[in-house]
Amino acid sequence: MRVAAPAIQCLEVDGVTGARYKATRGFYEMSDRDGAALVKAGGFIPSLGSPRTGGYRCPCGFRPLFRTCSRCHRILTQEDRT
């Protein structure tokens, strides 16, 4: 289970199982039991993005948020909105 540190200064944590975990770029890879305990103590499950419903659908396959596609530079119309 991947858990984000409650603060960037937190470099190591001891789990409830007795294992010690070192942070890598602010994240801990730990067991589910230790991860749940750290979340309860102030850590959080990192969100690496979520699907979005807005924006446009470009024929090149990209889904830009703005009218001009940043991949192919095509100007999209209202019919291209999702």
N, C-alpha and C. Protein backbone atom coordinates (compact mmCIF):
# COMPACT_ATOMS: atom_id res chain seq x y z
N MET A 1 0.86 -1.17 0.00
CA MET A 1 0.00 0.00 0.00
C MET A 1 0.90 1.22 0.00
N ARG A 2 0.56 2.22 -0.82
CA ARG A 2 1.34 3.46 -0.89
C ARG A 2 0.62 4.54 -0.07
N VAL A 3 1.36 5.16 0.83
CA VAL A 3 0.81 6.20 1.70
C VAL A 3 1.74 7.40 1.65
N ALA A 4 1.18 8.60 1.57
CA ALA A 4 1.97 9.82 1.59
C ALA A 4 2.23 10.23 3.04
N ALA A 5 3.40 10.81 3.25
CA ALA A 5 3.79 11.24 4.59
C ALA A 5 2.92 12.40 5.06
N PRO A 6 2.64 12.47 6.35
CA PRO A 6 1.86 13.59 6.87
C PRO A 6 2.60 14.92 6.75
N ALA A 7 3.93 14.89 6.70
CA ALA A 7 4.74 16.10 6.52
C ALA A 7 6.01 15.69 5.77
N ILE A 8 6.54 16.59 4.98
CA ILE A 8 7.73 16.29 4.18
C ILE A 8 8.95 16.02 5.06
N GLN A 9 8.96 16.56 6.28
CA GLN A 9 10.08 16.34 7.20
C GLN A 9 10.08 14.93 7.78
N CYS A 10 9.00 14.20 7.63
CA CYS A 10 8.88 12.84 8.17
C CYS A 10 9.61 11.88 7.23
N LEU A 11 10.78 11.41 7.63
CA LEU A 11 11.61 10.57 6.77
C LEU A 11 11.44 9.08 7.02
N GLU A 12 11.09 8.71 8.25
CA GLU A 12 10.90 7.31 8.62
C GLU A 12 9.71 7.19 9.55
N VAL A 13 9.02 6.07 9.45
CA VAL A 13 7.94 5.78 10.41
C VAL A 13 8.07 4.32 10.83
N ASP A 14 7.63 4.06 12.03
CA ASP A 14 7.55 2.69 12.53
C ASP A 14 6.10 2.25 12.44
N GLY A 15 5.86 1.11 11.81
CA GLY A 15 4.51 0.59 11.68
C GLY A 15 4.05 -0.11 12.94
N VAL A 16 2.76 -0.37 13.01
CA VAL A 16 2.22 -1.06 14.18
C VAL A 16 2.69 -2.52 14.22
N THR A 17 3.15 -3.04 13.09
CA THR A 17 3.67 -4.41 13.05
C THR A 17 5.12 -4.49 13.48
N GLY A 18 5.77 -3.34 13.72
CA GLY A 18 7.16 -3.30 14.14
C GLY A 18 8.13 -3.03 13.01
N ALA A 19 7.64 -2.98 11.79
CA ALA A 19 8.51 -2.70 10.64
C ALA A 19 8.79 -1.21 10.56
N ARG A 20 9.99 -0.86 10.10
CA ARG A 20 10.37 0.53 9.91
C ARG A 20 10.38 0.82 8.42
N TYR A 21 9.75 1.95 8.03
CA TYR A 21 9.64 2.32 6.63
C TYR A 21 10.34 3.65 6.37
N LYS A 22 11.13 3.70 5.31
CA LYS A 22 11.80 4.94 4.90
C LYS A 22 11.02 5.55 3.75
N ALA A 23 10.90 6.87 3.76
CA ALA A 23 10.16 7.57 2.72
C ALA A 23 11.00 7.67 1.45
N THR A 24 10.36 7.51 0.32
CA THR A 24 10.97 7.74 -0.98
C THR A 24 10.14 8.83 -1.66
N ARG A 25 10.73 10.04 -1.75
CA ARG A 25 10.04 11.21 -2.31
C ARG A 25 8.72 11.50 -1.60
N GLY A 26 8.68 11.27 -0.31
CA GLY A 26 7.49 11.58 0.49
C GLY A 26 6.46 10.48 0.54
N PHE A 27 6.76 9.31 -0.05
CA PHE A 27 5.81 8.20 -0.05
C PHE A 27 6.41 7.00 0.66
N TYR A 28 5.53 6.21 1.28
CA TYR A 28 5.92 4.97 1.93
C TYR A 28 5.24 3.80 1.23
N GLU A 29 5.99 2.76 0.95
CA GLU A 29 5.42 1.48 0.50
C GLU A 29 5.36 0.60 1.72
N MET A 30 4.16 0.26 2.17
CA MET A 30 4.01 -0.48 3.41
C MET A 30 2.87 -1.48 3.34
N SER A 31 2.78 -2.31 4.36
CA SER A 31 1.70 -3.30 4.41
C SER A 31 0.36 -2.58 4.61
N ASP A 32 -0.71 -3.28 4.30
CA ASP A 32 -2.04 -2.68 4.43
C ASP A 32 -2.35 -2.28 5.88
N ARG A 33 -1.93 -3.10 6.81
CA ARG A 33 -2.20 -2.80 8.23
C ARG A 33 -1.45 -1.55 8.68
N ASP A 34 -0.16 -1.47 8.34
CA ASP A 34 0.63 -0.29 8.71
C ASP A 34 0.15 0.95 7.96
N GLY A 35 -0.24 0.78 6.70
CA GLY A 35 -0.75 1.91 5.92
C GLY A 35 -2.03 2.47 6.50
N ALA A 36 -2.93 1.60 6.93
CA ALA A 36 -4.18 2.06 7.53
C ALA A 36 -3.91 2.82 8.83
N ALA A 37 -2.94 2.36 9.61
CA ALA A 37 -2.59 3.04 10.85
C ALA A 37 -1.98 4.42 10.57
N LEU A 38 -1.14 4.52 9.52
CA LEU A 38 -0.54 5.81 9.19
C LEU A 38 -1.59 6.79 8.67
N VAL A 39 -2.54 6.30 7.90
CA VAL A 39 -3.62 7.17 7.42
C VAL A 39 -4.43 7.69 8.61
N LYS A 40 -4.67 6.83 9.57
CA LYS A 40 -5.41 7.25 10.77
C LYS A 40 -4.63 8.29 11.58
N ALA A 41 -3.28 8.23 11.50
CA ALA A 41 -2.44 9.15 12.25
C ALA A 41 -2.13 10.45 11.50
N GLY A 42 -2.62 10.59 10.27
CA GLY A 42 -2.40 11.85 9.57
C GLY A 42 -1.86 11.72 8.16
N GLY A 43 -1.41 10.54 7.77
CA GLY A 43 -0.97 10.33 6.40
C GLY A 43 -2.18 10.28 5.48
N PHE A 44 -1.94 10.17 4.18
CA PHE A 44 -3.07 10.08 3.26
C PHE A 44 -2.71 9.24 2.05
N ILE A 45 -3.73 8.70 1.43
CA ILE A 45 -3.56 7.92 0.21
C ILE A 45 -3.36 8.91 -0.93
N PRO A 46 -2.25 8.82 -1.66
CA PRO A 46 -2.01 9.79 -2.73
C PRO A 46 -2.97 9.60 -3.89
N SER A 47 -3.42 10.69 -4.42
CA SER A 47 -4.29 10.66 -5.59
C SER A 47 -3.44 11.07 -6.79
N LEU A 48 -3.27 10.17 -7.72
CA LEU A 48 -2.42 10.43 -8.86
C LEU A 48 -3.23 10.83 -10.08
N GLY A 49 -4.33 11.49 -9.85
CA GLY A 49 -5.17 11.92 -10.96
C GLY A 49 -6.48 11.15 -10.95
N SER A 50 -7.45 11.71 -11.57
CA SER A 50 -8.75 11.07 -11.65
C SER A 50 -9.34 11.34 -13.03
N PRO A 51 -10.24 10.49 -13.47
CA PRO A 51 -10.84 10.75 -14.77
C PRO A 51 -11.68 12.03 -14.72
N ARG A 52 -11.65 12.76 -15.80
CA ARG A 52 -12.42 13.99 -15.82
C ARG A 52 -13.50 13.88 -16.88
N THR A 53 -14.55 14.64 -16.70
CA THR A 53 -15.68 14.55 -17.61
C THR A 53 -15.78 15.76 -18.52
N GLY A 54 -15.10 16.84 -18.20
CA GLY A 54 -15.21 18.06 -18.99
C GLY A 54 -14.16 18.14 -20.08
N GLY A 55 -14.16 19.25 -20.79
CA GLY A 55 -13.16 19.49 -21.80
C GLY A 55 -13.67 19.18 -23.20
N TYR A 56 -12.74 18.98 -24.11
CA TYR A 56 -13.04 18.74 -25.51
C TYR A 56 -12.49 17.39 -25.94
N ARG A 57 -12.99 16.88 -27.04
CA ARG A 57 -12.47 15.65 -27.62
C ARG A 57 -11.89 15.99 -28.99
N CYS A 58 -10.59 15.92 -29.12
CA CYS A 58 -9.91 16.28 -30.36
C CYS A 58 -9.80 15.04 -31.26
N PRO A 59 -9.90 15.21 -32.59
CA PRO A 59 -9.74 14.08 -33.50
C PRO A 59 -8.36 13.39 -33.40
N CYS A 60 -7.36 14.09 -32.87
CA CYS A 60 -6.03 13.47 -32.74
C CYS A 60 -5.99 12.47 -31.58
N GLY A 61 -7.05 12.41 -30.75
CA GLY A 61 -7.10 11.48 -29.64
C GLY A 61 -6.85 12.11 -28.28
N PHE A 62 -6.40 13.35 -28.26
CA PHE A 62 -6.12 14.06 -27.01
C PHE A 62 -7.42 14.66 -26.47
N ARG A 63 -7.49 14.85 -25.16
CA ARG A 63 -8.68 15.45 -24.55
C ARG A 63 -8.29 16.74 -23.82
N PRO A 64 -8.14 17.85 -24.56
CA PRO A 64 -7.74 19.10 -23.91
C PRO A 64 -8.87 19.73 -23.11
N LEU A 65 -8.49 20.55 -22.14
CA LEU A 65 -9.48 21.30 -21.37
C LEU A 65 -9.85 22.61 -22.05
N PHE A 66 -8.99 23.09 -22.94
CA PHE A 66 -9.21 24.37 -23.61
C PHE A 66 -9.52 24.14 -25.08
N ARG A 67 -10.02 25.17 -25.76
CA ARG A 67 -10.44 25.05 -27.16
C ARG A 67 -9.30 24.71 -28.10
N THR A 68 -8.11 25.15 -27.83
CA THR A 68 -6.97 24.85 -28.69
C THR A 68 -6.26 23.61 -28.15
N CYS A 69 -6.15 22.59 -28.98
CA CYS A 69 -5.49 21.35 -28.59
C CYS A 69 -3.99 21.61 -28.45
N SER A 70 -3.43 21.24 -27.32
CA SER A 70 -2.00 21.47 -27.11
C SER A 70 -1.14 20.45 -27.83
N ARG A 71 -1.72 19.38 -28.32
CA ARG A 71 -0.96 18.37 -29.05
C ARG A 71 -0.87 18.69 -30.54
N CYS A 72 -2.01 18.98 -31.18
CA CYS A 72 -1.99 19.20 -32.63
C CYS A 72 -2.34 20.65 -33.01
N HIS A 73 -2.65 21.50 -32.04
CA HIS A 73 -2.94 22.93 -32.21
C HIS A 73 -4.21 23.20 -33.02
N ARG A 74 -5.10 22.25 -33.09
CA ARG A 74 -6.38 22.43 -33.77
C ARG A 74 -7.31 23.23 -32.86
N ILE A 75 -8.09 24.13 -33.43
CA ILE A 75 -9.08 24.89 -32.66
C ILE A 75 -10.38 24.11 -32.72
N LEU A 76 -10.89 23.76 -31.56
CA LEU A 76 -12.07 22.91 -31.46
C LEU A 76 -13.33 23.74 -31.33
N THR A 77 -14.47 23.14 -31.65
CA THR A 77 -15.76 23.84 -31.63
C THR A 77 -16.63 23.28 -30.51
N GLN A 78 -17.81 23.85 -30.34
CA GLN A 78 -18.75 23.38 -29.33
C GLN A 78 -19.16 21.93 -29.57
N GLU A 79 -19.20 21.50 -30.84
CA GLU A 79 -19.57 20.12 -31.14
C GLU A 79 -18.53 19.12 -30.60
N ASP A 80 -17.32 19.61 -30.37
CA ASP A 80 -16.24 18.75 -29.85
C ASP A 80 -16.25 18.65 -28.33
N ARG A 81 -17.12 19.42 -27.67
CA ARG A 81 -17.18 19.38 -26.20
C ARG A 81 -17.74 18.06 -25.71
N THR A 82 -17.22 17.62 -24.58
CA THR A 82 -17.73 16.37 -23.99
C THR A 82 -18.63 16.68 -22.83
